[in-house]
Amino acid sequence: MDKWGYKLHDAVNGVSEMAAIGLGLEKSNFTQKLSGGAHLLAPTGSDLEKNDVGAIFAGFHYDIAFLTIHGKSRYPGLYVWLRNNQKLQVKVPNGCLLL
């Protein structure tokens, strides 16, 4: 699990550097601010035998981080809300990450 967590952390750092460059900032502008910050790897693995079908494990919420990253889920139920408040189911393709 640690190896996967470090890969996710590295991906967020890489995207942060690209965003900084794209905004005309120093490459390390965002990563310096992320250094030493609270990073939470929170798999939502749940015992599906102890819950009813349709149980909600992580209801509507805002993420507290600068960037949020998700890998591909084995189960449906990941949604995002667009700026117009439209709910959209997210499907992460094999080999991809969602930020």
PDB file of N, CA and C in Angstrom:
ATOM      1  N   MET A   1       0.822  -1.183   0.000  1.00  0.00           N
ATOM      2  CA  MET A   1       0.000   0.000   0.000  1.00  0.00           C
ATOM      3  C   MET A   1       0.870   1.252   0.000  1.00  0.00           C
ATOM      4  N   ASP A   2       1.983   1.214   0.732  1.00  0.00           N
ATOM      5  CA  ASP A   2       2.868   2.384   0.742  1.00  0.00           C
ATOM      6  C   ASP A   2       3.400   2.687  -0.654  1.00  0.00           C
ATOM      7  N   LYS A   3       3.770   1.636  -1.400  1.00  0.00           N
ATOM      8  CA  LYS A   3       4.308   1.836  -2.750  1.00  0.00           C
ATOM      9  C   LYS A   3       3.273   2.554  -3.635  1.00  0.00           C
ATOM     10  N   TRP A   4       2.016   2.116  -3.548  1.00  0.00           N
ATOM     11  CA  TRP A   4       0.957   2.751  -4.328  1.00  0.00           C
ATOM     12  C   TRP A   4       0.756   4.194  -3.866  1.00  0.00           C
ATOM     13  N   GLY A   5       0.780   4.422  -2.570  1.00  0.00           N
ATOM     14  CA  GLY A   5       0.627   5.774  -2.037  1.00  0.00           C
ATOM     15  C   GLY A   5       1.713   6.715  -2.533  1.00  0.00           C
ATOM     16  N   TYR A   6       2.955   6.224  -2.567  1.00  0.00           N
ATOM     17  CA  TYR A   6       4.055   7.063  -3.071  1.00  0.00           C
ATOM     18  C   TYR A   6       3.886   7.363  -4.558  1.00  0.00           C
ATOM     19  N   LYS A   7       3.374   6.406  -5.310  1.00  0.00           N
ATOM     20  CA  LYS A   7       3.134   6.651  -6.737  1.00  0.00           C
ATOM     21  C   LYS A   7       2.064   7.728  -6.927  1.00  0.00           C
ATOM     22  N   LEU A   8       1.002   7.665  -6.121  1.00  0.00           N
ATOM     23  CA  LEU A   8      -0.037   8.696  -6.202  1.00  0.00           C
ATOM     24  C   LEU A   8       0.525  10.060  -5.820  1.00  0.00           C
ATOM     25  N   HIS A   9       1.319  10.088  -4.762  1.00  0.00           N
ATOM     26  CA  HIS A   9       1.934  11.340  -4.304  1.00  0.00           C
ATOM     27  C   HIS A   9       2.848  11.913  -5.389  1.00  0.00           C
ATOM     28  N   ASP A  10       3.642  11.068  -6.023  1.00  0.00           N
ATOM     29  CA  ASP A  10       4.524  11.513  -7.102  1.00  0.00           C
ATOM     30  C   ASP A  10       3.730  12.059  -8.280  1.00  0.00           C
ATOM     31  N   ALA A  11       2.602  11.425  -8.595  1.00  0.00           N
ATOM     32  CA  ALA A  11       1.770  11.904  -9.704  1.00  0.00           C
ATOM     33  C   ALA A  11       1.212  13.296  -9.393  1.00  0.00           C
ATOM     34  N   VAL A  12       0.756  13.507  -8.165  1.00  0.00           N
ATOM     35  CA  VAL A  12       0.242  14.821  -7.770  1.00  0.00           C
ATOM     36  C   VAL A  12       1.353  15.872  -7.844  1.00  0.00           C
ATOM     37  N   ASN A  13       2.549  15.517  -7.405  1.00  0.00           N
ATOM     38  CA  ASN A  13       3.672  16.453  -7.506  1.00  0.00           C
ATOM     39  C   ASN A  13       3.968  16.801  -8.957  1.00  0.00           C
ATOM     40  N   GLY A  14       3.957  15.816  -9.834  1.00  0.00           N
ATOM     41  CA  GLY A  14       4.214  16.071 -11.254  1.00  0.00           C
ATOM     42  C   GLY A  14       3.174  16.988 -11.864  1.00  0.00           C
ATOM     43  N   VAL A  15       1.912  16.752 -11.557  1.00  0.00           N
ATOM     44  CA  VAL A  15       0.834  17.611 -12.070  1.00  0.00           C
ATOM     45  C   VAL A  15       0.959  19.013 -11.486  1.00  0.00           C
ATOM     46  N   SER A  16       1.328  19.105 -10.213  1.00  0.00           N
ATOM     47  CA  SER A  16       1.511  20.414  -9.583  1.00  0.00           C
ATOM     48  C   SER A  16       2.602  21.215 -10.276  1.00  0.00           C
ATOM     49  N   GLU A  17       3.694  20.550 -10.625  1.00  0.00           N
ATOM     50  CA  GLU A  17       4.783  21.227 -11.342  1.00  0.00           C
ATOM     51  C   GLU A  17       4.332  21.675 -12.725  1.00  0.00           C
ATOM     52  N   MET A  18       3.588  20.819 -13.429  1.00  0.00           N
ATOM     53  CA  MET A  18       3.102  21.195 -14.760  1.00  0.00           C
ATOM     54  C   MET A  18       2.130  22.370 -14.677  1.00  0.00           C
ATOM     55  N   ALA A  19       1.269  22.371 -13.660  1.00  0.00           N
ATOM     56  CA  ALA A  19       0.320  23.482 -13.485  1.00  0.00           C
ATOM     57  C   ALA A  19       1.065  24.786 -13.222  1.00  0.00           C
ATOM     58  N   ALA A  20       2.091  24.725 -12.391  1.00  0.00           N
ATOM     59  CA  ALA A  20       2.876  25.930 -12.097  1.00  0.00           C
ATOM     60  C   ALA A  20       3.522  26.479 -13.364  1.00  0.00           C
ATOM     61  N   ILE A  21       4.146  25.610 -14.132  1.00  0.00           N
ATOM     62  CA  ILE A  21       4.786  26.038 -15.381  1.00  0.00           C
ATOM     63  C   ILE A  21       3.746  26.638 -16.327  1.00  0.00           C
ATOM     64  N   GLY A  22       2.590  25.971 -16.428  1.00  0.00           N
ATOM     65  CA  GLY A  22       1.529  26.451 -17.311  1.00  0.00           C
ATOM     66  C   GLY A  22       0.987  27.813 -16.895  1.00  0.00           C
ATOM     67  N   LEU A  23       1.069  28.121 -15.612  1.00  0.00           N
ATOM     68  CA  LEU A  23       0.600  29.421 -15.117  1.00  0.00           C
ATOM     69  C   LEU A  23       1.698  30.469 -15.081  1.00  0.00           C
ATOM     70  N   GLY A  24       2.878  30.094 -15.609  1.00  0.00           N
ATOM     71  CA  GLY A  24       3.986  31.049 -15.655  1.00  0.00           C
ATOM     72  C   GLY A  24       4.691  31.224 -14.322  1.00  0.00           C
ATOM     73  N   LEU A  25       4.545  30.273 -13.421  1.00  0.00           N
ATOM     74  CA  LEU A  25       5.189  30.334 -12.113  1.00  0.00           C
ATOM     75  C   LEU A  25       6.438  29.456 -12.111  1.00  0.00           C
ATOM     76  N   GLU A  26       7.205  29.570 -11.052  1.00  0.00           N
ATOM     77  CA  GLU A  26       8.350  28.680 -10.895  1.00  0.00           C
ATOM     78  C   GLU A  26       7.837  27.241 -10.776  1.00  0.00           C
ATOM     79  N   LYS A  27       8.573  26.297 -11.322  1.00  0.00           N
ATOM     80  CA  LYS A  27       8.173  24.891 -11.331  1.00  0.00           C
ATOM     81  C   LYS A  27       7.815  24.391  -9.930  1.00  0.00           C
ATOM     82  N   SER A  28       8.538  24.834  -8.924  1.00  0.00           N
ATOM     83  CA  SER A  28       8.353  24.324  -7.561  1.00  0.00           C
ATOM     84  C   SER A  28       7.349  25.136  -6.742  1.00  0.00           C
ATOM     85  N   ASN A  29       6.657  26.073  -7.366  1.00  0.00           N
ATOM     86  CA  ASN A  29       5.757  26.956  -6.620  1.00  0.00           C
ATOM     87  C   ASN A  29       4.743  26.186  -5.771  1.00  0.00           C
ATOM     88  N   PHE A  30       4.068  25.219  -6.351  1.00  0.00           N
ATOM     89  CA  PHE A  30       3.058  24.460  -5.610  1.00  0.00           C
ATOM     90  C   PHE A  30       3.676  23.341  -4.785  1.00  0.00           C
ATOM     91  N   THR A  31       4.680  22.662  -5.325  1.00  0.00           N
ATOM     92  CA  THR A  31       5.255  21.527  -4.587  1.00  0.00           C
ATOM     93  C   THR A  31       5.937  21.982  -3.303  1.00  0.00           C
ATOM     94  N   GLN A  32       6.500  23.180  -3.291  1.00  0.00           N
ATOM     95  CA  GLN A  32       7.077  23.707  -2.047  1.00  0.00           C
ATOM     96  C   GLN A  32       5.999  23.866  -0.982  1.00  0.00           C
ATOM     97  N   LYS A  33       4.833  24.307  -1.395  1.00  0.00           N
ATOM     98  CA  LYS A  33       3.731  24.493  -0.448  1.00  0.00           C
ATOM     99  C   LYS A  33       3.156  23.157   0.014  1.00  0.00           C
ATOM    100  N   LEU A  34       3.252  22.130  -0.825  1.00  0.00           N
ATOM    101  CA  LEU A  34       2.759  20.799  -0.468  1.00  0.00           C
ATOM    102  C   LEU A  34       3.727  20.054   0.437  1.00  0.00           C
ATOM    103  N   SER A  35       4.981  20.409   0.373  1.00  0.00           N
ATOM    104  CA  SER A  35       6.009  19.710   1.148  1.00  0.00           C
ATOM    105  C   SER A  35       5.712  19.804   2.635  1.00  0.00           C
ATOM    106  N   GLY A  36       5.645  18.656   3.279  1.00  0.00           N
ATOM    107  CA  GLY A  36       5.383  18.620   4.714  1.00  0.00           C
ATOM    108  C   GLY A  36       3.922  18.777   5.078  1.00  0.00           C
ATOM    109  N   GLY A  37       3.065  18.894   4.078  1.00  0.00           N
ATOM    110  CA  GLY A  37       1.642  19.045   4.346  1.00  0.00           C
ATOM    111  C   GLY A  37       0.989  17.727   4.712  1.00  0.00           C
ATOM    112  N   ALA A  38      -0.242  17.803   5.105  1.00  0.00           N
ATOM    113  CA  ALA A  38      -0.994  16.599   5.457  1.00  0.00           C
ATOM    114  C   ALA A  38      -1.475  15.920   4.183  1.00  0.00           C
ATOM    115  N   HIS A  39      -0.986  14.737   3.932  1.00  0.00           N
ATOM    116  CA  HIS A  39      -1.415  13.962   2.775  1.00  0.00           C
ATOM    117  C   HIS A  39      -2.104  12.718   3.299  1.00  0.00           C
ATOM    118  N   LEU A  40      -3.278  12.460   2.805  1.00  0.00           N
ATOM    119  CA  LEU A  40      -4.083  11.370   3.308  1.00  0.00           C
ATOM    120  C   LEU A  40      -4.347  10.371   2.197  1.00  0.00           C
ATOM    121  N   LEU A  41      -3.866   9.163   2.367  1.00  0.00           N
ATOM    122  CA  LEU A  41      -4.200   8.073   1.458  1.00  0.00           C
ATOM    123  C   LEU A  41      -5.321   7.311   2.142  1.00  0.00           C
ATOM    124  N   ALA A  42      -6.505   7.420   1.596  1.00  0.00           N
ATOM    125  CA  ALA A  42      -7.671   6.861   2.277  1.00  0.00           C
ATOM    126  C   ALA A  42      -8.437   5.907   1.373  1.00  0.00           C
ATOM    127  N   PRO A  43      -7.996   4.683   1.291  1.00  0.00           N
ATOM    128  CA  PRO A  43      -8.789   3.730   0.495  1.00  0.00           C
ATOM    129  C   PRO A  43     -10.133   3.519   1.170  1.00  0.00           C
ATOM    130  N   THR A  44     -11.175   3.478   0.383  1.00  0.00           N
ATOM    131  CA  THR A  44     -12.507   3.299   0.956  1.00  0.00           C
ATOM    132  C   THR A  44     -12.901   1.831   0.909  1.00  0.00           C
ATOM    133  N   GLY A  45     -11.922   0.952   1.107  1.00  0.00           N
ATOM    134  CA  GLY A  45     -12.229  -0.470   1.151  1.00  0.00           C
ATOM    135  C   GLY A  45     -13.209  -0.743   2.270  1.00  0.00           C
ATOM    136  N   SER A  46     -14.280  -1.420   1.965  1.00  0.00           N
ATOM    137  CA  SER A  46     -15.323  -1.675   2.956  1.00  0.00           C
ATOM    138  C   SER A  46     -15.751  -3.133   2.866  1.00  0.00           C
ATOM    139  N   ASP A  47     -16.181  -3.657   3.975  1.00  0.00           N
ATOM    140  CA  ASP A  47     -16.665  -5.031   4.017  1.00  0.00           C
ATOM    141  C   ASP A  47     -18.077  -5.058   3.453  1.00  0.00           C
ATOM    142  N   LEU A  48     -18.204  -5.490   2.219  1.00  0.00           N
ATOM    143  CA  LEU A  48     -19.499  -5.464   1.546  1.00  0.00           C
ATOM    144  C   LEU A  48     -20.465  -6.496   2.107  1.00  0.00           C
ATOM    145  N   GLU A  49     -19.966  -7.464   2.876  1.00  0.00           N
ATOM    146  CA  GLU A  49     -20.861  -8.449   3.486  1.00  0.00           C
ATOM    147  C   GLU A  49     -21.590  -7.880   4.701  1.00  0.00           C
ATOM    148  N   LYS A  50     -21.085  -6.808   5.284  1.00  0.00           N
ATOM    149  CA  LYS A  50     -21.690  -6.208   6.482  1.00  0.00           C
ATOM    150  C   LYS A  50     -22.623  -5.046   6.152  1.00  0.00           C
ATOM    151  N   ASN A  51     -22.763  -4.715   4.886  1.00  0.00           N
ATOM    152  CA  ASN A  51     -23.583  -3.576   4.485  1.00  0.00           C
ATOM    153  C   ASN A  51     -24.623  -4.020   3.472  1.00  0.00           C
ATOM    154  N   ASP A  52     -25.746  -3.323   3.483  1.00  0.00           N
ATOM    155  CA  ASP A  52     -26.801  -3.617   2.520  1.00  0.00           C
ATOM    156  C   ASP A  52     -26.427  -3.096   1.144  1.00  0.00           C
ATOM    157  N   VAL A  53     -27.026  -3.685   0.110  1.00  0.00           N
ATOM    158  CA  VAL A  53     -26.835  -3.197  -1.248  1.00  0.00           C
ATOM    159  C   VAL A  53     -27.300  -1.749  -1.296  1.00  0.00           C
ATOM    160  N   GLY A  54     -26.511  -0.891  -1.889  1.00  0.00           N
ATOM    161  CA  GLY A  54     -26.852   0.518  -1.995  1.00  0.00           C
ATOM    162  C   GLY A  54     -26.336   1.370  -0.851  1.00  0.00           C
ATOM    163  N   ALA A  55     -25.610   0.745   0.097  1.00  0.00           N
ATOM    164  CA  ALA A  55     -25.052   1.506   1.212  1.00  0.00           C
ATOM    165  C   ALA A  55     -24.072   2.547   0.696  1.00  0.00           C
ATOM    166  N   ILE A  56     -24.056   3.712   1.318  1.00  0.00           N
ATOM    167  CA  ILE A  56     -23.152   4.792   0.927  1.00  0.00           C
ATOM    168  C   ILE A  56     -21.984   4.816   1.902  1.00  0.00           C
ATOM    169  N   PHE A  57     -20.770   4.748   1.379  1.00  0.00           N
ATOM    170  CA  PHE A  57     -19.576   4.719   2.221  1.00  0.00           C
ATOM    171  C   PHE A  57     -18.947   6.097   2.374  1.00  0.00           C
ATOM    172  N   ALA A  58     -19.039   6.909   1.363  1.00  0.00           N
ATOM    173  CA  ALA A  58     -18.500   8.273   1.428  1.00  0.00           C
ATOM    174  C   ALA A  58     -19.475   9.157   0.660  1.00  0.00           C
ATOM    175  N   GLY A  59     -20.442   9.714   1.354  1.00  0.00           N
ATOM    176  CA  GLY A  59     -21.451  10.536   0.709  1.00  0.00           C
ATOM    177  C   GLY A  59     -20.874  11.830   0.167  1.00  0.00           C
ATOM    178  N   PHE A  60     -21.740  12.706  -0.276  1.00  0.00           N
ATOM    179  CA  PHE A  60     -21.322  13.991  -0.855  1.00  0.00           C
ATOM    180  C   PHE A  60     -20.385  14.703   0.114  1.00  0.00           C
ATOM    181  N   HIS A  61     -19.255  15.122  -0.389  1.00  0.00           N
ATOM    182  CA  HIS A  61     -18.290  15.832   0.443  1.00  0.00           C
ATOM    183  C   HIS A  61     -17.372  16.660  -0.454  1.00  0.00           C
ATOM    184  N   TYR A  62     -16.693  17.593   0.174  1.00  0.00           N
ATOM    185  CA  TYR A  62     -15.658  18.367  -0.506  1.00  0.00           C
ATOM    186  C   TYR A  62     -14.325  17.783  -0.094  1.00  0.00           C
ATOM    187  N   ASP A  63     -13.394  17.745  -0.994  1.00  0.00           N
ATOM    188  CA  ASP A  63     -12.055  17.304  -0.633  1.00  0.00           C
ATOM    189  C   ASP A  63     -11.292  18.490  -0.070  1.00  0.00           C
ATOM    190  N   ILE A  64     -10.428  18.209   0.898  1.00  0.00           N
ATOM    191  CA  ILE A  64      -9.733  19.281   1.609  1.00  0.00           C
ATOM    192  C   ILE A  64      -8.373  19.602   1.015  1.00  0.00           C
ATOM    193  N   ALA A  65      -7.968  18.876   0.019  1.00  0.00           N
ATOM    194  CA  ALA A  65      -6.616  19.014  -0.503  1.00  0.00           C
ATOM    195  C   ALA A  65      -6.567  19.942  -1.723  1.00  0.00           C
ATOM    196  N   PHE A  66      -5.357  20.336  -2.046  1.00  0.00           N
ATOM    197  CA  PHE A  66      -5.100  21.134  -3.255  1.00  0.00           C
ATOM    198  C   PHE A  66      -5.510  20.331  -4.490  1.00  0.00           C
ATOM    199  N   LEU A  67      -5.107  19.092  -4.543  1.00  0.00           N
ATOM    200  CA  LEU A  67      -5.494  18.172  -5.612  1.00  0.00           C
ATOM    201  C   LEU A  67      -5.954  16.862  -4.976  1.00  0.00           C
ATOM    202  N   THR A  68      -6.879  16.226  -5.625  1.00  0.00           N
ATOM    203  CA  THR A  68      -7.341  14.912  -5.192  1.00  0.00           C
ATOM    204  C   THR A  68      -7.074  13.948  -6.329  1.00  0.00           C
ATOM    205  N   ILE A  69      -6.663  12.745  -5.986  1.00  0.00           N
ATOM    206  CA  ILE A  69      -6.322  11.756  -7.003  1.00  0.00           C
ATOM    207  C   ILE A  69      -7.032  10.443  -6.686  1.00  0.00           C
ATOM    208  N   HIS A  70      -7.549   9.810  -7.726  1.00  0.00           N
ATOM    209  CA  HIS A  70      -8.222   8.524  -7.596  1.00  0.00           C
ATOM    210  C   HIS A  70      -7.653   7.575  -8.629  1.00  0.00           C
ATOM    211  N   GLY A  71      -7.494   6.337  -8.209  1.00  0.00           N
ATOM    212  CA  GLY A  71      -7.196   5.274  -9.163  1.00  0.00           C
ATOM    213  C   GLY A  71      -8.508   4.660  -9.628  1.00  0.00           C
ATOM    214  N   LYS A  72      -8.403   3.640 -10.454  1.00  0.00           N
ATOM    215  CA  LYS A  72      -9.585   2.936 -10.950  1.00  0.00           C
ATOM    216  C   LYS A  72     -10.219   2.164  -9.803  1.00  0.00           C
ATOM    217  N   SER A  73     -11.521   2.267  -9.686  1.00  0.00           N
ATOM    218  CA  SER A  73     -12.255   1.535  -8.665  1.00  0.00           C
ATOM    219  C   SER A  73     -12.764   0.222  -9.226  1.00  0.00           C
ATOM    220  N   ARG A  74     -12.870  -0.750  -8.367  1.00  0.00           N
ATOM    221  CA  ARG A  74     -13.455  -2.023  -8.781  1.00  0.00           C
ATOM    222  C   ARG A  74     -14.970  -1.991  -8.699  1.00  0.00           C
ATOM    223  N   TYR A  75     -15.525  -0.942  -8.102  1.00  0.00           N
ATOM    224  CA  TYR A  75     -16.968  -0.852  -7.901  1.00  0.00           C
ATOM    225  C   TYR A  75     -17.468   0.487  -8.407  1.00  0.00           C
ATOM    226  N   PRO A  76     -18.691   0.533  -8.927  1.00  0.00           N
ATOM    227  CA  PRO A  76     -19.252   1.804  -9.383  1.00  0.00           C
ATOM    228  C   PRO A  76     -19.602   2.695  -8.193  1.00  0.00           C
ATOM    229  N   GLY A  77     -19.807   3.949  -8.456  1.00  0.00           N
ATOM    230  CA  GLY A  77     -20.290   4.838  -7.408  1.00  0.00           C
ATOM    231  C   GLY A  77     -19.463   6.086  -7.189  1.00  0.00           C
ATOM    232  N   LEU A  78     -18.453   6.328  -8.027  1.00  0.00           N
ATOM    233  CA  LEU A  78     -17.682   7.560  -7.908  1.00  0.00           C
ATOM    234  C   LEU A  78     -18.325   8.612  -8.806  1.00  0.00           C
ATOM    235  N   TYR A  79     -18.733   9.713  -8.188  1.00  0.00           N
ATOM    236  CA  TYR A  79     -19.379  10.794  -8.914  1.00  0.00           C
ATOM    237  C   TYR A  79     -18.662  12.100  -8.631  1.00  0.00           C
ATOM    238  N   VAL A  80     -18.764  13.017  -9.576  1.00  0.00           N
ATOM    239  CA  VAL A  80     -18.328  14.392  -9.383  1.00  0.00           C
ATOM    240  C   VAL A  80     -19.513  15.284  -9.724  1.00  0.00           C
ATOM    241  N   TRP A  81     -19.486  16.473  -9.187  1.00  0.00           N
ATOM    242  CA  TRP A  81     -20.524  17.447  -9.497  1.00  0.00           C
ATOM    243  C   TRP A  81     -19.885  18.551 -10.317  1.00  0.00           C
ATOM    244  N   LEU A  82     -20.500  18.839 -11.458  1.00  0.00           N
ATOM    245  CA  LEU A  82     -20.007  19.882 -12.343  1.00  0.00           C
ATOM    246  C   LEU A  82     -20.399  21.251 -11.800  1.00  0.00           C
ATOM    247  N   ARG A  83     -19.845  22.285 -12.375  1.00  0.00           N
ATOM    248  CA  ARG A  83     -20.123  23.648 -11.902  1.00  0.00           C
ATOM    249  C   ARG A  83     -21.599  24.005 -11.979  1.00  0.00           C
ATOM    250  N   ASN A  84     -22.334  23.357 -12.876  1.00  0.00           N
ATOM    251  CA  ASN A  84     -23.773  23.633 -13.003  1.00  0.00           C
ATOM    252  C   ASN A  84     -24.594  22.704 -12.103  1.00  0.00           C
ATOM    253  N   ASN A  85     -23.933  22.056 -11.133  1.00  0.00           N
ATOM    254  CA  ASN A  85     -24.549  21.135 -10.167  1.00  0.00           C
ATOM    255  C   ASN A  85     -25.052  19.837 -10.782  1.00  0.00           C
ATOM    256  N   GLN A  86     -24.605  19.520 -11.985  1.00  0.00           N
ATOM    257  CA  GLN A  86     -24.966  18.252 -12.609  1.00  0.00           C
ATOM    258  C   GLN A  86     -24.073  17.150 -12.037  1.00  0.00           C
ATOM    259  N   LYS A  87     -24.689  16.050 -11.596  1.00  0.00           N
ATOM    260  CA  LYS A  87     -23.965  14.896 -11.058  1.00  0.00           C
ATOM    261  C   LYS A  87     -23.514  14.021 -12.228  1.00  0.00           C
ATOM    262  N   LEU A  88     -22.241  13.636 -12.232  1.00  0.00           N
ATOM    263  CA  LEU A  88     -21.674  12.871 -13.332  1.00  0.00           C
ATOM    264  C   LEU A  88     -20.898  11.689 -12.781  1.00  0.00           C
ATOM    265  N   GLN A  89     -21.260  10.466 -13.221  1.00  0.00           N
ATOM    266  CA  GLN A  89     -20.517   9.290 -12.783  1.00  0.00           C
ATOM    267  C   GLN A  89     -19.159   9.272 -13.479  1.00  0.00           C
ATOM    268  N   VAL A  90     -18.129   8.955 -12.712  1.00  0.00           N
ATOM    269  CA  VAL A  90     -16.770   8.942 -13.225  1.00  0.00           C
ATOM    270  C   VAL A  90     -16.315   7.496 -13.393  1.00  0.00           C
ATOM    271  N   LYS A  91     -15.755   7.207 -14.542  1.00  0.00           N
ATOM    272  CA  LYS A  91     -15.179   5.890 -14.799  1.00  0.00           C
ATOM    273  C   LYS A  91     -13.730   6.110 -15.201  1.00  0.00           C
ATOM    274  N   VAL A  92     -12.806   5.618 -14.394  1.00  0.00           N
ATOM    275  CA  VAL A  92     -11.387   5.808 -14.649  1.00  0.00           C
ATOM    276  C   VAL A  92     -10.908   4.662 -15.529  1.00  0.00           C
ATOM    277  N   PRO A  93     -10.379   4.945 -16.715  1.00  0.00           N
ATOM    278  CA  PRO A  93      -9.908   3.878 -17.611  1.00  0.00           C
ATOM    279  C   PRO A  93      -8.710   3.135 -17.002  1.00  0.00           C
ATOM    280  N   ASN A  94      -8.502   1.911 -17.436  1.00  0.00           N
ATOM    281  CA  ASN A  94      -7.351   1.131 -17.006  1.00  0.00           C
ATOM    282  C   ASN A  94      -6.061   1.904 -17.253  1.00  0.00           C
ATOM    283  N   GLY A  95      -5.169   1.894 -16.285  1.00  0.00           N
ATOM    284  CA  GLY A  95      -3.878   2.540 -16.440  1.00  0.00           C
ATOM    285  C   GLY A  95      -3.909   4.049 -16.257  1.00  0.00           C
ATOM    286  N   CYS A  96      -5.052   4.604 -15.879  1.00  0.00           N
ATOM    287  CA  CYS A  96      -5.185   6.053 -15.739  1.00  0.00           C
ATOM    288  C   CYS A  96      -5.493   6.430 -14.290  1.00  0.00           C
ATOM    289  N   LEU A  97      -5.295   7.696 -13.987  1.00  0.00           N
ATOM    290  CA  LEU A  97      -5.642   8.260 -12.698  1.00  0.00           C
ATOM    291  C   LEU A  97      -6.575   9.432 -12.936  1.00  0.00           C
ATOM    292  N   LEU A  98      -7.433   9.705 -11.974  1.00  0.00           N
ATOM    293  CA  LEU A  98      -8.316  10.853 -12.020  1.00  0.00           C
ATOM    294  C   LEU A  98      -7.818  11.879 -11.031  1.00  0.00           C
ATOM    295  N   LEU A  99      -7.574  13.100 -11.487  1.00  0.00           N
ATOM    296  CA  LEU A  99      -7.181  14.196 -10.594  1.00  0.00           C
ATOM    297  C   LEU A  99      -8.239  15.251 -10.625  1.00  0.00           C
TER     298      LEU A  99
END
